[in-house]
Amino acid sequence: MVPVINRSGRDPDGWIEIPLVVDPVCHGFRLDRFLVHRIRRLSRTRIQTIIRTGQLYRHGSDLPECRVGVRVHTGERFVLVRPAPDEPEVVLRFTPLYRDDAMLVVDKPAGLPVHPSARYHRNTLTNLLRVELGADHGWELAHRLDRETSGVLVLGRRGRKNSCSVIKHAFFARTVQKIYWAIVHGTLTQSRMIDMPLGPAVGSAVRVKMGPRSLSDGGVSAQTAVRPLATGTFRARPITLIEARPTTGRQHQIRVHLAAIGHGLVGDKLYGLDEQYFLDVVEGDRPIEELERQLGAKRHALHARSLALPHPVTGSIHTFTAPWPEDLAGLISLPTAGC
């Protein structure tokens, strides 16, 4: 028999609550399948255990939803309740760049995770938004940035106003123009288009790692246009500040593409070294600070410089730009013109 636990009786300091909203892609999914879609690091068996042991609630209810096979519908809201872990410290701030009734644009600092993960729950942008704007603020992320990537991030309204789905469709339809700045190893001397299908890295023990993969072997098309902006040195070796314009939005696309052509990102923990070093940190006892010292940087040198996208209500093109962050400016000087 599944124990029924009253959520209102829990010690709030010992637990975290992770809100989950059913988006249109998951309409009609079984509850366990919906959670697998949202929390990809957990197996379906683990998800079913979480549901059956009373750790998931419908929004506004103090009684758990324990039926793994119940169907979910667009807009339904759930709360996943988990024991609070010890979390690494992060920069708990963001800089608003634009806000109206339909769109919120922020400059996300490096190191701040966007969503909860195995290591981060309270120290995330989504939780920070709830703290600063209130639990029912109504904003939803329209896309994602990796934890270590800084720069422009766009949110839209969920629920009745539903501008977020319009923005997400713009990303899917490739009507959003994305510009990233990155500092890479070596000297990139000319512009080029990297047209290289990507998929899960062959032979890798890291689940999230991507790599070149042919279309016939499960890869998906991916294109990134790159051009050099400035050169410098790092640890007495050449580096290049480059502009990257991805025309597709695959996971880790820019990082994988640049590593594959011999110009990996400065500070990249996953693609800049043998992956065993990464595994020694995430699965072993090696302090992450040792890996950062080995790389010479606390994070990978990637910055979401600007986004140009149609406004979800008016359709007019809006462009948003995030300043070059100080930690990356300390590695290479920006060119005086042309950027």
C-alpha atoms as a PDB file:
ATOM      1  CA  MET A   1       0.000   0.000   0.000  1.00  0.00           C
ATOM      2  CA  VAL A   2       1.365   3.439  -0.963  1.00  0.00           C
ATOM      3  CA  PRO A   3       1.669   5.777   2.024  1.00  0.00           C
ATOM      4  CA  VAL A   4      -0.299   9.025   1.705  1.00  0.00           C
ATOM      5  CA  ILE A   5       1.816  11.899   2.977  1.00  0.00           C
ATOM      6  CA  ASN A   6       0.348  15.312   3.683  1.00  0.00           C
ATOM      7  CA  ARG A   7       2.628  17.766   1.897  1.00  0.00           C
ATOM      8  CA  SER A   8       1.602  20.661   4.133  1.00  0.00           C
ATOM      9  CA  GLY A   9       3.154  18.870   7.138  1.00  0.00           C
ATOM     10  CA  ARG A  10       6.684  18.700   5.715  1.00  0.00           C
ATOM     11  CA  ASP A  11       9.539  20.800   7.039  1.00  0.00           C
ATOM     12  CA  PRO A  12      10.083  23.323   4.190  1.00  0.00           C
ATOM     13  CA  ASP A  13      13.815  23.576   4.899  1.00  0.00           C
ATOM     14  CA  GLY A  14      14.311  19.854   4.419  1.00  0.00           C
ATOM     15  CA  TRP A  15      12.469  19.544   1.099  1.00  0.00           C
ATOM     16  CA  ILE A  16      12.409  21.150  -2.311  1.00  0.00           C
ATOM     17  CA  GLU A  17       9.412  21.535  -4.572  1.00  0.00           C
ATOM     18  CA  ILE A  18       9.932  21.300  -8.336  1.00  0.00           C
ATOM     19  CA  PRO A  19       7.008  22.655 -10.399  1.00  0.00           C
ATOM     20  CA  LEU A  20       6.219  20.869 -13.658  1.00  0.00           C
ATOM     21  CA  VAL A  21       3.824  22.156 -16.305  1.00  0.00           C
ATOM     22  CA  VAL A  22       2.507  19.917 -19.101  1.00  0.00           C
ATOM     23  CA  ASP A  23       3.369  21.498 -22.445  1.00  0.00           C
ATOM     24  CA  PRO A  24       1.528  20.715 -25.711  1.00  0.00           C
ATOM     25  CA  VAL A  25       4.179  18.185 -26.763  1.00  0.00           C
ATOM     26  CA  CYS A  26       3.215  15.974 -23.790  1.00  0.00           C
ATOM     27  CA  HIS A  27      -0.574  16.266 -24.116  1.00  0.00           C
ATOM     28  CA  GLY A  28      -2.112  12.818 -23.616  1.00  0.00           C
ATOM     29  CA  PHE A  29       1.064  11.211 -22.245  1.00  0.00           C
ATOM     30  CA  ARG A  30       0.909   8.820 -19.306  1.00  0.00           C
ATOM     31  CA  LEU A  31       2.091  10.553 -16.151  1.00  0.00           C
ATOM     32  CA  ASP A  32       5.252   8.448 -15.934  1.00  0.00           C
ATOM     33  CA  ARG A  33       6.117   9.137 -19.569  1.00  0.00           C
ATOM     34  CA  PHE A  34       5.607  12.881 -19.019  1.00  0.00           C
ATOM     35  CA  LEU A  35       8.061  12.835 -16.111  1.00  0.00           C
ATOM     36  CA  VAL A  36      10.599  10.837 -18.135  1.00  0.00           C
ATOM     37  CA  HIS A  37      10.318  13.529 -20.829  1.00  0.00           C
ATOM     38  CA  ARG A  38      10.898  16.311 -18.279  1.00  0.00           C
ATOM     39  CA  ILE A  39      13.544  14.589 -16.113  1.00  0.00           C
ATOM     40  CA  ARG A  40      15.651  12.766 -18.669  1.00  0.00           C
ATOM     41  CA  ARG A  41      18.393  11.705 -16.263  1.00  0.00           C
ATOM     42  CA  LEU A  42      16.004   9.302 -14.463  1.00  0.00           C
ATOM     43  CA  SER A  43      14.861   5.954 -15.806  1.00  0.00           C
ATOM     44  CA  ARG A  44      11.189   5.135 -16.242  1.00  0.00           C
ATOM     45  CA  THR A  45      11.425   2.599 -13.411  1.00  0.00           C
ATOM     46  CA  ARG A  46      12.835   5.261 -11.078  1.00  0.00           C
ATOM     47  CA  ILE A  47      10.111   7.694 -12.142  1.00  0.00           C
ATOM     48  CA  GLN A  48       7.402   5.127 -11.418  1.00  0.00           C
ATOM     49  CA  THR A  49       8.851   4.563  -7.956  1.00  0.00           C
ATOM     50  CA  ILE A  50       8.803   8.317  -7.299  1.00  0.00           C
ATOM     51  CA  ILE A  51       5.131   8.498  -8.273  1.00  0.00           C
ATOM     52  CA  ARG A  52       4.046   5.400  -6.365  1.00  0.00           C
ATOM     53  CA  THR A  53       5.791   6.500  -3.167  1.00  0.00           C
ATOM     54  CA  GLY A  54       3.834   9.727  -3.016  1.00  0.00           C
ATOM     55  CA  GLN A  55       6.398  12.312  -4.117  1.00  0.00           C
ATOM     56  CA  LEU A  56       4.279  13.950  -6.843  1.00  0.00           C
ATOM     57  CA  TYR A  57       1.310  16.268  -6.312  1.00  0.00           C
ATOM     58  CA  ARG A  58      -1.142  18.113  -8.459  1.00  0.00           C
ATOM     59  CA  HIS A  59      -0.822  21.868  -8.060  1.00  0.00           C
ATOM     60  CA  GLY A  60      -2.840  23.038  -5.074  1.00  0.00           C
ATOM     61  CA  SER A  61      -3.336  19.587  -3.543  1.00  0.00           C
ATOM     62  CA  ASP A  62      -1.790  18.219  -0.356  1.00  0.00           C
ATOM     63  CA  LEU A  63      -2.457  14.605  -1.375  1.00  0.00           C
ATOM     64  CA  PRO A  64      -0.093  12.831  -3.779  1.00  0.00           C
ATOM     65  CA  GLU A  65      -0.936  11.651  -7.283  1.00  0.00           C
ATOM     66  CA  CYS A  66       0.171   8.004  -7.196  1.00  0.00           C
ATOM     67  CA  ARG A  67      -1.286   6.713 -10.484  1.00  0.00           C
ATOM     68  CA  VAL A  68       1.544   6.203 -12.958  1.00  0.00           C
ATOM     69  CA  GLY A  69      -0.791   5.608 -15.903  1.00  0.00           C
ATOM     70  CA  VAL A  70      -3.106   8.602 -15.564  1.00  0.00           C
ATOM     71  CA  ARG A  71      -3.140  10.798 -18.689  1.00  0.00           C
ATOM     72  CA  VAL A  72      -1.898  14.383 -18.530  1.00  0.00           C
ATOM     73  CA  HIS A  73      -3.173  17.355 -20.501  1.00  0.00           C
ATOM     74  CA  THR A  74      -1.698  20.623 -21.716  1.00  0.00           C
ATOM     75  CA  GLY A  75      -1.489  23.227 -18.951  1.00  0.00           C
ATOM     76  CA  GLU A  76      -1.847  20.813 -16.037  1.00  0.00           C
ATOM     77  CA  ARG A  77       0.544  21.615 -13.209  1.00  0.00           C
ATOM     78  CA  PHE A  78       2.307  19.204 -10.875  1.00  0.00           C
ATOM     79  CA  VAL A  79       4.777  19.567  -8.017  1.00  0.00           C
ATOM     80  CA  LEU A  80       7.577  17.073  -7.435  1.00  0.00           C
ATOM     81  CA  VAL A  81       8.676  17.014  -3.771  1.00  0.00           C
ATOM     82  CA  ARG A  82      12.214  15.810  -3.074  1.00  0.00           C
ATOM     83  CA  PRO A  83      14.628  15.861  -0.092  1.00  0.00           C
ATOM     84  CA  ALA A  84      16.794  18.960  -0.274  1.00  0.00           C
ATOM     85  CA  PRO A  85      20.441  18.136  -1.123  1.00  0.00           C
ATOM     86  CA  ASP A  86      23.546  20.168  -0.387  1.00  0.00           C
ATOM     87  CA  GLU A  87      24.063  22.323  -3.477  1.00  0.00           C
ATOM     88  CA  PRO A  88      27.143  24.050  -4.895  1.00  0.00           C
ATOM     89  CA  GLU A  89      27.050  27.817  -4.562  1.00  0.00           C
ATOM     90  CA  VAL A  90      26.183  29.783  -7.703  1.00  0.00           C
ATOM     91  CA  VAL A  91      25.674  33.411  -8.696  1.00  0.00           C
ATOM     92  CA  LEU A  92      22.044  33.950  -7.667  1.00  0.00           C
ATOM     93  CA  ARG A  93      21.190  36.881  -9.865  1.00  0.00           C
ATOM     94  CA  PHE A  94      20.147  37.727 -13.389  1.00  0.00           C
ATOM     95  CA  THR A  95      19.925  40.990 -15.321  1.00  0.00           C
ATOM     96  CA  PRO A  96      16.609  41.871 -17.015  1.00  0.00           C
ATOM     97  CA  LEU A  97      17.122  43.089 -20.593  1.00  0.00           C
ATOM     98  CA  TYR A  98      13.480  43.538 -21.652  1.00  0.00           C
ATOM     99  CA  ARG A  99       9.986  42.935 -20.303  1.00  0.00           C
ATOM    100  CA  ASP A 100       6.439  43.445 -21.512  1.00  0.00           C
ATOM    101  CA  ASP A 101       3.178  41.513 -21.037  1.00  0.00           C
ATOM    102  CA  ALA A 102       4.246  38.721 -23.393  1.00  0.00           C
ATOM    103  CA  MET A 103       8.024  38.427 -23.210  1.00  0.00           C
ATOM    104  CA  LEU A 104      10.765  38.571 -20.581  1.00  0.00           C
ATOM    105  CA  VAL A 105      14.408  38.611 -21.672  1.00  0.00           C
ATOM    106  CA  VAL A 106      17.289  38.219 -19.215  1.00  0.00           C
ATOM    107  CA  ASP A 107      21.060  38.071 -19.240  1.00  0.00           C
ATOM    108  CA  LYS A 108      21.885  34.810 -17.442  1.00  0.00           C
ATOM    109  CA  PRO A 109      25.253  34.691 -15.667  1.00  0.00           C
ATOM    110  CA  ALA A 110      27.636  31.791 -16.146  1.00  0.00           C
ATOM    111  CA  GLY A 111      27.291  29.082 -13.514  1.00  0.00           C
ATOM    112  CA  LEU A 112      23.571  29.566 -12.872  1.00  0.00           C
ATOM    113  CA  PRO A 113      21.615  26.450 -13.939  1.00  0.00           C
ATOM    114  CA  VAL A 114      18.361  27.074 -15.767  1.00  0.00           C
ATOM    115  CA  HIS A 115      16.415  24.040 -14.525  1.00  0.00           C
ATOM    116  CA  PRO A 116      16.738  21.680 -11.539  1.00  0.00           C
ATOM    117  CA  SER A 117      19.156  18.804 -12.048  1.00  0.00           C
ATOM    118  CA  ALA A 118      20.854  16.091 -10.023  1.00  0.00           C
ATOM    119  CA  ARG A 119      23.095  18.675  -8.279  1.00  0.00           C
ATOM    120  CA  TYR A 120      21.003  21.850  -8.389  1.00  0.00           C
ATOM    121  CA  HIS A 121      17.476  22.456  -7.129  1.00  0.00           C
ATOM    122  CA  ARG A 122      17.118  25.710  -5.202  1.00  0.00           C
ATOM    123  CA  ASN A 123      20.140  27.310  -6.898  1.00  0.00           C
ATOM    124  CA  THR A 124      18.522  27.578 -10.341  1.00  0.00           C
ATOM    125  CA  LEU A 125      17.111  30.339 -12.492  1.00  0.00           C
ATOM    126  CA  THR A 126      13.605  28.867 -12.316  1.00  0.00           C
ATOM    127  CA  ASN A 127      13.664  28.935  -8.514  1.00  0.00           C
ATOM    128  CA  LEU A 128      15.230  32.400  -8.488  1.00  0.00           C
ATOM    129  CA  LEU A 129      12.337  33.636 -10.635  1.00  0.00           C
ATOM    130  CA  ARG A 130       9.859  32.245  -8.124  1.00  0.00           C
ATOM    131  CA  VAL A 131      11.703  33.966  -5.269  1.00  0.00           C
ATOM    132  CA  GLU A 132      11.949  37.340  -7.007  1.00  0.00           C
ATOM    133  CA  LEU A 133       8.650  37.397  -8.942  1.00  0.00           C
ATOM    134  CA  GLY A 134       6.401  35.186  -6.825  1.00  0.00           C
ATOM    135  CA  ALA A 135       5.361  31.542  -7.126  1.00  0.00           C
ATOM    136  CA  ASP A 136       2.653  32.326  -9.694  1.00  0.00           C
ATOM    137  CA  HIS A 137       4.717  34.686 -11.863  1.00  0.00           C
ATOM    138  CA  GLY A 138       3.514  32.947 -15.034  1.00  0.00           C
ATOM    139  CA  TRP A 139       6.791  33.010 -16.994  1.00  0.00           C
ATOM    140  CA  GLU A 140       8.159  29.939 -18.764  1.00  0.00           C
ATOM    141  CA  LEU A 141      11.520  29.416 -20.445  1.00  0.00           C
ATOM    142  CA  ALA A 142      11.228  29.343 -24.238  1.00  0.00           C
ATOM    143  CA  HIS A 143      14.656  27.720 -24.698  1.00  0.00           C
ATOM    144  CA  ARG A 144      17.682  26.755 -22.631  1.00  0.00           C
ATOM    145  CA  LEU A 145      21.305  27.609 -22.034  1.00  0.00           C
ATOM    146  CA  ASP A 146      23.862  25.283 -20.458  1.00  0.00           C
ATOM    147  CA  ARG A 147      24.748  26.113 -16.863  1.00  0.00           C
ATOM    148  CA  GLU A 148      28.187  27.460 -17.790  1.00  0.00           C
ATOM    149  CA  THR A 149      26.961  29.452 -20.800  1.00  0.00           C
ATOM    150  CA  SER A 150      26.157  33.103 -20.162  1.00  0.00           C
ATOM    151  CA  GLY A 151      23.960  35.476 -22.122  1.00  0.00           C
ATOM    152  CA  VAL A 152      20.538  36.124 -23.603  1.00  0.00           C
ATOM    153  CA  LEU A 153      17.647  33.943 -22.453  1.00  0.00           C
ATOM    154  CA  VAL A 154      13.986  34.442 -23.423  1.00  0.00           C
ATOM    155  CA  LEU A 155      10.832  33.593 -21.481  1.00  0.00           C
ATOM    156  CA  GLY A 156       7.182  33.795 -22.479  1.00  0.00           C
ATOM    157  CA  ARG A 157       3.842  33.573 -20.709  1.00  0.00           C
ATOM    158  CA  ARG A 158       2.352  30.170 -19.984  1.00  0.00           C
ATOM    159  CA  GLY A 159      -1.290  29.269 -19.461  1.00  0.00           C
ATOM    160  CA  ARG A 160      -4.027  31.479 -20.821  1.00  0.00           C
ATOM    161  CA  LYS A 161      -1.770  34.064 -22.480  1.00  0.00           C
ATOM    162  CA  ASN A 162       0.450  31.287 -23.865  1.00  0.00           C
ATOM    163  CA  SER A 163       3.027  33.482 -25.570  1.00  0.00           C
ATOM    164  CA  CYS A 164       5.718  30.969 -24.661  1.00  0.00           C
ATOM    165  CA  SER A 165       4.425  28.400 -27.157  1.00  0.00           C
ATOM    166  CA  VAL A 166       4.601  31.057 -29.898  1.00  0.00           C
ATOM    167  CA  ILE A 167       8.232  31.803 -29.044  1.00  0.00           C
ATOM    168  CA  LYS A 168       9.083  28.101 -28.884  1.00  0.00           C
ATOM    169  CA  HIS A 169       7.571  27.656 -32.331  1.00  0.00           C
ATOM    170  CA  ALA A 170       9.776  30.479 -33.631  1.00  0.00           C
ATOM    171  CA  PHE A 171      12.842  28.583 -32.413  1.00  0.00           C
ATOM    172  CA  PHE A 172      11.521  25.357 -33.939  1.00  0.00           C
ATOM    173  CA  ALA A 173      10.780  27.114 -37.250  1.00  0.00           C
ATOM    174  CA  ARG A 174      14.283  28.652 -37.237  1.00  0.00           C
ATOM    175  CA  THR A 175      13.002  32.224 -37.429  1.00  0.00           C
ATOM    176  CA  VAL A 176      15.195  33.173 -34.457  1.00  0.00           C
ATOM    177  CA  GLN A 177      18.679  34.440 -35.320  1.00  0.00           C
ATOM    178  CA  LYS A 178      21.187  33.371 -32.657  1.00  0.00           C
ATOM    179  CA  ILE A 179      24.690  34.768 -32.281  1.00  0.00           C
ATOM    180  CA  TYR A 180      27.185  33.318 -29.813  1.00  0.00           C
ATOM    181  CA  TRP A 181      30.679  34.460 -28.981  1.00  0.00           C
ATOM    182  CA  ALA A 182      33.217  31.827 -27.977  1.00  0.00           C
ATOM    183  CA  ILE A 183      36.913  31.686 -27.163  1.00  0.00           C
ATOM    184  CA  VAL A 184      38.537  28.671 -28.781  1.00  0.00           C
ATOM    185  CA  HIS A 185      41.964  27.090 -28.765  1.00  0.00           C
ATOM    186  CA  GLY A 186      44.181  27.699 -31.773  1.00  0.00           C
ATOM    187  CA  THR A 187      44.047  30.311 -34.511  1.00  0.00           C
ATOM    188  CA  LEU A 188      40.959  30.254 -36.700  1.00  0.00           C
ATOM    189  CA  THR A 189      41.971  32.202 -39.791  1.00  0.00           C
ATOM    190  CA  GLN A 190      38.832  32.269 -41.914  1.00  0.00           C
ATOM    191  CA  SER A 191      35.062  31.958 -41.821  1.00  0.00           C
ATOM    192  CA  ARG A 192      33.489  28.606 -42.540  1.00  0.00           C
ATOM    193  CA  MET A 193      30.217  26.699 -42.341  1.00  0.00           C
ATOM    194  CA  ILE A 194      30.385  23.552 -40.208  1.00  0.00           C
ATOM    195  CA  ASP A 195      27.826  21.123 -41.611  1.00  0.00           C
ATOM    196  CA  MET A 196      28.116  18.036 -39.424  1.00  0.00           C
ATOM    197  CA  PRO A 197      25.287  15.755 -38.241  1.00  0.00           C
ATOM    198  CA  LEU A 198      25.248  15.133 -34.501  1.00  0.00           C
ATOM    199  CA  GLY A 199      23.966  12.443 -32.166  1.00  0.00           C
ATOM    200  CA  PRO A 200      24.839  10.701 -28.916  1.00  0.00           C
ATOM    201  CA  ALA A 201      28.630  10.316 -28.803  1.00  0.00           C
ATOM    202  CA  VAL A 202      29.676   6.871 -29.987  1.00  0.00           C
ATOM    203  CA  GLY A 203      31.289   4.816 -27.225  1.00  0.00           C
ATOM    204  CA  SER A 204      30.902   7.491 -24.567  1.00  0.00           C
ATOM    205  CA  ALA A 205      30.049   6.672 -20.950  1.00  0.00           C
ATOM    206  CA  VAL A 206      28.579  10.177 -20.475  1.00  0.00           C
ATOM    207  CA  ARG A 207      24.846  10.118 -21.213  1.00  0.00           C
ATOM    208  CA  VAL A 208      24.580  13.773 -22.228  1.00  0.00           C
ATOM    209  CA  LYS A 209      27.662  13.812 -24.454  1.00  0.00           C
ATOM    210  CA  MET A 210      27.104  14.448 -28.144  1.00  0.00           C
ATOM    211  CA  GLY A 211      29.378  13.814 -31.097  1.00  0.00           C
ATOM    212  CA  PRO A 212      29.590  13.628 -34.891  1.00  0.00           C
ATOM    213  CA  ARG A 213      27.261  10.924 -36.169  1.00  0.00           C
ATOM    214  CA  SER A 214      26.104  10.108 -39.671  1.00  0.00           C
ATOM    215  CA  LEU A 215      22.475  10.519 -40.635  1.00  0.00           C
ATOM    216  CA  SER A 216      22.317   6.812 -41.414  1.00  0.00           C
ATOM    217  CA  ASP A 217      23.476   6.030 -37.859  1.00  0.00           C
ATOM    218  CA  GLY A 218      20.922   8.143 -36.001  1.00  0.00           C
ATOM    219  CA  GLY A 219      22.522  11.552 -36.356  1.00  0.00           C
ATOM    220  CA  VAL A 220      20.525  14.710 -37.075  1.00  0.00           C
ATOM    221  CA  SER A 221      21.573  17.559 -39.323  1.00  0.00           C
ATOM    222  CA  ALA A 222      23.406  20.447 -37.646  1.00  0.00           C
ATOM    223  CA  GLN A 223      24.981  23.565 -39.131  1.00  0.00           C
ATOM    224  CA  THR A 224      27.025  26.309 -37.495  1.00  0.00           C
ATOM    225  CA  ALA A 225      28.564  29.289 -39.311  1.00  0.00           C
ATOM    226  CA  VAL A 226      31.711  30.582 -37.594  1.00  0.00           C
ATOM    227  CA  ARG A 227      34.001  33.547 -38.222  1.00  0.00           C
ATOM    228  CA  PRO A 228      37.063  34.872 -36.355  1.00  0.00           C
ATOM    229  CA  LEU A 229      36.802  38.196 -34.514  1.00  0.00           C
ATOM    230  CA  ALA A 230      40.077  38.552 -32.599  1.00  0.00           C
ATOM    231  CA  THR A 231      43.140  36.577 -31.538  1.00  0.00           C
ATOM    232  CA  GLY A 232      45.128  36.338 -28.337  1.00  0.00           C
ATOM    233  CA  THR A 233      47.077  33.948 -26.145  1.00  0.00           C
ATOM    234  CA  PHE A 234      46.142  31.743 -23.214  1.00  0.00           C
ATOM    235  CA  ARG A 235      48.788  29.878 -21.257  1.00  0.00           C
ATOM    236  CA  ALA A 236      51.283  30.944 -23.924  1.00  0.00           C
ATOM    237  CA  ARG A 237      49.233  29.322 -26.691  1.00  0.00           C
ATOM    238  CA  PRO A 238      47.065  30.955 -29.366  1.00  0.00           C
ATOM    239  CA  ILE A 239      43.338  31.444 -28.900  1.00  0.00           C
ATOM    240  CA  THR A 240      40.653  33.005 -31.096  1.00  0.00           C
ATOM    241  CA  LEU A 241      37.486  34.893 -30.260  1.00  0.00           C
ATOM    242  CA  ILE A 242      34.902  33.662 -32.761  1.00  0.00           C
ATOM    243  CA  GLU A 243      31.326  34.408 -33.664  1.00  0.00           C
ATOM    244  CA  ALA A 244      29.106  31.341 -34.060  1.00  0.00           C
ATOM    245  CA  ARG A 245      25.715  31.427 -35.768  1.00  0.00           C
ATOM    246  CA  PRO A 246      23.928  28.082 -35.370  1.00  0.00           C
ATOM    247  CA  THR A 247      21.131  27.548 -37.872  1.00  0.00           C
ATOM    248  CA  THR A 248      19.979  24.462 -35.979  1.00  0.00           C
ATOM    249  CA  GLY A 249      19.633  24.027 -32.229  1.00  0.00           C
ATOM    250  CA  ARG A 250      21.095  20.660 -31.291  1.00  0.00           C
ATOM    251  CA  GLN A 251      22.336  19.856 -27.809  1.00  0.00           C
ATOM    252  CA  HIS A 252      25.892  21.152 -27.249  1.00  0.00           C
ATOM    253  CA  GLN A 253      26.020  21.927 -30.982  1.00  0.00           C
ATOM    254  CA  ILE A 254      28.550  24.768 -30.947  1.00  0.00           C
ATOM    255  CA  ARG A 255      30.832  23.011 -28.463  1.00  0.00           C
ATOM    256  CA  VAL A 256      30.844  19.751 -30.439  1.00  0.00           C
ATOM    257  CA  HIS A 257      31.256  21.401 -33.837  1.00  0.00           C
ATOM    258  CA  LEU A 258      34.195  23.517 -32.723  1.00  0.00           C
ATOM    259  CA  ALA A 259      35.899  20.615 -30.947  1.00  0.00           C
ATOM    260  CA  ALA A 260      35.442  18.454 -34.045  1.00  0.00           C
ATOM    261  CA  ILE A 261      37.336  20.930 -36.257  1.00  0.00           C
ATOM    262  CA  GLY A 262      40.199  21.221 -33.778  1.00  0.00           C
ATOM    263  CA  HIS A 263      39.146  24.469 -32.092  1.00  0.00           C
ATOM    264  CA  GLY A 264      37.542  23.366 -28.831  1.00  0.00           C
ATOM    265  CA  LEU A 265      36.264  25.908 -26.336  1.00  0.00           C
ATOM    266  CA  VAL A 266      38.617  27.171 -23.672  1.00  0.00           C
ATOM    267  CA  GLY A 267      37.545  25.654 -20.349  1.00  0.00           C
ATOM    268  CA  ASP A 268      35.263  22.966 -21.754  1.00  0.00           C
ATOM    269  CA  LYS A 269      35.119  20.200 -19.131  1.00  0.00           C
ATOM    270  CA  LEU A 270      33.329  17.655 -21.320  1.00  0.00           C
ATOM    271  CA  TYR A 271      34.731  18.204 -24.820  1.00  0.00           C
ATOM    272  CA  GLY A 272      38.129  19.693 -24.005  1.00  0.00           C
ATOM    273  CA  LEU A 273      39.712  16.699 -22.275  1.00  0.00           C
ATOM    274  CA  ASP A 274      39.501  12.935 -22.148  1.00  0.00           C
ATOM    275  CA  GLU A 275      36.025  12.271 -20.749  1.00  0.00           C
ATOM    276  CA  GLN A 276      37.432  10.201 -17.870  1.00  0.00           C
ATOM    277  CA  TYR A 277      38.483  13.452 -16.192  1.00  0.00           C
ATOM    278  CA  PHE A 278      34.843  14.569 -16.353  1.00  0.00           C
ATOM    279  CA  LEU A 279      33.619  11.214 -15.029  1.00  0.00           C
ATOM    280  CA  ASP A 280      36.085  11.372 -12.142  1.00  0.00           C
ATOM    281  CA  VAL A 281      34.282  14.529 -11.001  1.00  0.00           C
ATOM    282  CA  VAL A 282      30.631  13.625 -11.573  1.00  0.00           C
ATOM    283  CA  GLU A 283      30.869   9.979 -10.511  1.00  0.00           C
ATOM    284  CA  GLY A 284      33.988   9.915  -8.338  1.00  0.00           C
ATOM    285  CA  ASP A 285      35.579  11.968  -5.592  1.00  0.00           C
ATOM    286  CA  ARG A 286      37.691  14.313  -7.662  1.00  0.00           C
ATOM    287  CA  PRO A 287      36.978  17.957  -6.733  1.00  0.00           C
ATOM    288  CA  ILE A 288      35.741  20.037  -9.652  1.00  0.00           C
ATOM    289  CA  GLU A 289      38.307  22.687  -8.717  1.00  0.00           C
ATOM    290  CA  GLU A 290      41.075  20.327  -9.818  1.00  0.00           C
ATOM    291  CA  LEU A 291      39.498  20.030 -13.250  1.00  0.00           C
ATOM    292  CA  GLU A 292      39.140  23.805 -13.469  1.00  0.00           C
ATOM    293  CA  ARG A 293      42.811  24.264 -12.597  1.00  0.00           C
ATOM    294  CA  GLN A 294      43.755  21.724 -15.244  1.00  0.00           C
ATOM    295  CA  LEU A 295      41.756  23.646 -17.844  1.00  0.00           C
ATOM    296  CA  GLY A 296      42.745  27.076 -16.555  1.00  0.00           C
ATOM    297  CA  ALA A 297      39.148  28.343 -16.449  1.00  0.00           C
ATOM    298  CA  LYS A 298      36.109  27.935 -14.211  1.00  0.00           C
ATOM    299  CA  ARG A 299      33.712  27.545 -17.133  1.00  0.00           C
ATOM    300  CA  HIS A 300      33.618  27.008 -20.867  1.00  0.00           C
ATOM    301  CA  ALA A 301      34.077  30.231 -22.812  1.00  0.00           C
ATOM    302  CA  LEU A 302      30.689  30.473 -24.522  1.00  0.00           C
ATOM    303  CA  HIS A 303      28.366  33.485 -24.407  1.00  0.00           C
ATOM    304  CA  ALA A 304      24.920  33.882 -25.996  1.00  0.00           C
ATOM    305  CA  ARG A 305      25.660  37.317 -27.419  1.00  0.00           C
ATOM    306  CA  SER A 306      22.353  38.177 -29.083  1.00  0.00           C
ATOM    307  CA  LEU A 307      18.966  36.945 -30.236  1.00  0.00           C
ATOM    308  CA  ALA A 308      16.716  38.423 -32.908  1.00  0.00           C
ATOM    309  CA  LEU A 309      13.188  37.036 -32.915  1.00  0.00           C
ATOM    310  CA  PRO A 310       9.620  37.988 -33.837  1.00  0.00           C
ATOM    311  CA  HIS A 311       7.566  39.355 -30.957  1.00  0.00           C
ATOM    312  CA  PRO A 312       4.952  36.723 -30.006  1.00  0.00           C
ATOM    313  CA  VAL A 313       2.100  39.247 -30.218  1.00  0.00           C
ATOM    314  CA  THR A 314       3.073  41.904 -32.770  1.00  0.00           C
ATOM    315  CA  GLY A 315       5.384  39.856 -34.980  1.00  0.00           C
ATOM    316  CA  SER A 316       7.895  42.702 -35.184  1.00  0.00           C
ATOM    317  CA  ILE A 317      11.557  41.692 -34.947  1.00  0.00           C
ATOM    318  CA  HIS A 318      13.224  42.448 -31.622  1.00  0.00           C
ATOM    319  CA  THR A 319      16.976  42.112 -31.063  1.00  0.00           C
ATOM    320  CA  PHE A 320      18.500  41.649 -27.608  1.00  0.00           C
ATOM    321  CA  THR A 321      22.194  41.774 -26.738  1.00  0.00           C
ATOM    322  CA  ALA A 322      24.046  40.704 -23.585  1.00  0.00           C
ATOM    323  CA  PRO A 323      27.328  42.446 -22.680  1.00  0.00           C
ATOM    324  CA  TRP A 324      30.587  40.514 -22.948  1.00  0.00           C
ATOM    325  CA  PRO A 325      31.112  39.164 -19.397  1.00  0.00           C
ATOM    326  CA  GLU A 326      34.101  40.226 -17.335  1.00  0.00           C
ATOM    327  CA  ASP A 327      35.565  36.747 -16.877  1.00  0.00           C
ATOM    328  CA  LEU A 328      35.806  36.219 -20.645  1.00  0.00           C
ATOM    329  CA  ALA A 329      36.953  39.779 -21.264  1.00  0.00           C
ATOM    330  CA  GLY A 330      39.896  38.931 -19.027  1.00  0.00           C
ATOM    331  CA  LEU A 331      40.958  36.213 -21.480  1.00  0.00           C
ATOM    332  CA  ILE A 332      40.852  38.161 -24.723  1.00  0.00           C
ATOM    333  CA  SER A 333      40.379  41.780 -25.769  1.00  0.00           C
ATOM    334  CA  LEU A 334      37.451  42.596 -27.998  1.00  0.00           C
ATOM    335  CA  PRO A 335      38.101  44.077 -31.447  1.00  0.00           C
ATOM    336  CA  THR A 336      37.468  47.793 -31.676  1.00  0.00           C
ATOM    337  CA  ALA A 337      35.048  47.490 -34.604  1.00  0.00           C
ATOM    338  CA  GLY A 338      33.048  45.001 -36.589  1.00  0.00           C
ATOM    339  CA  CYS A 339      31.131  43.373 -33.701  1.00  0.00           C
END
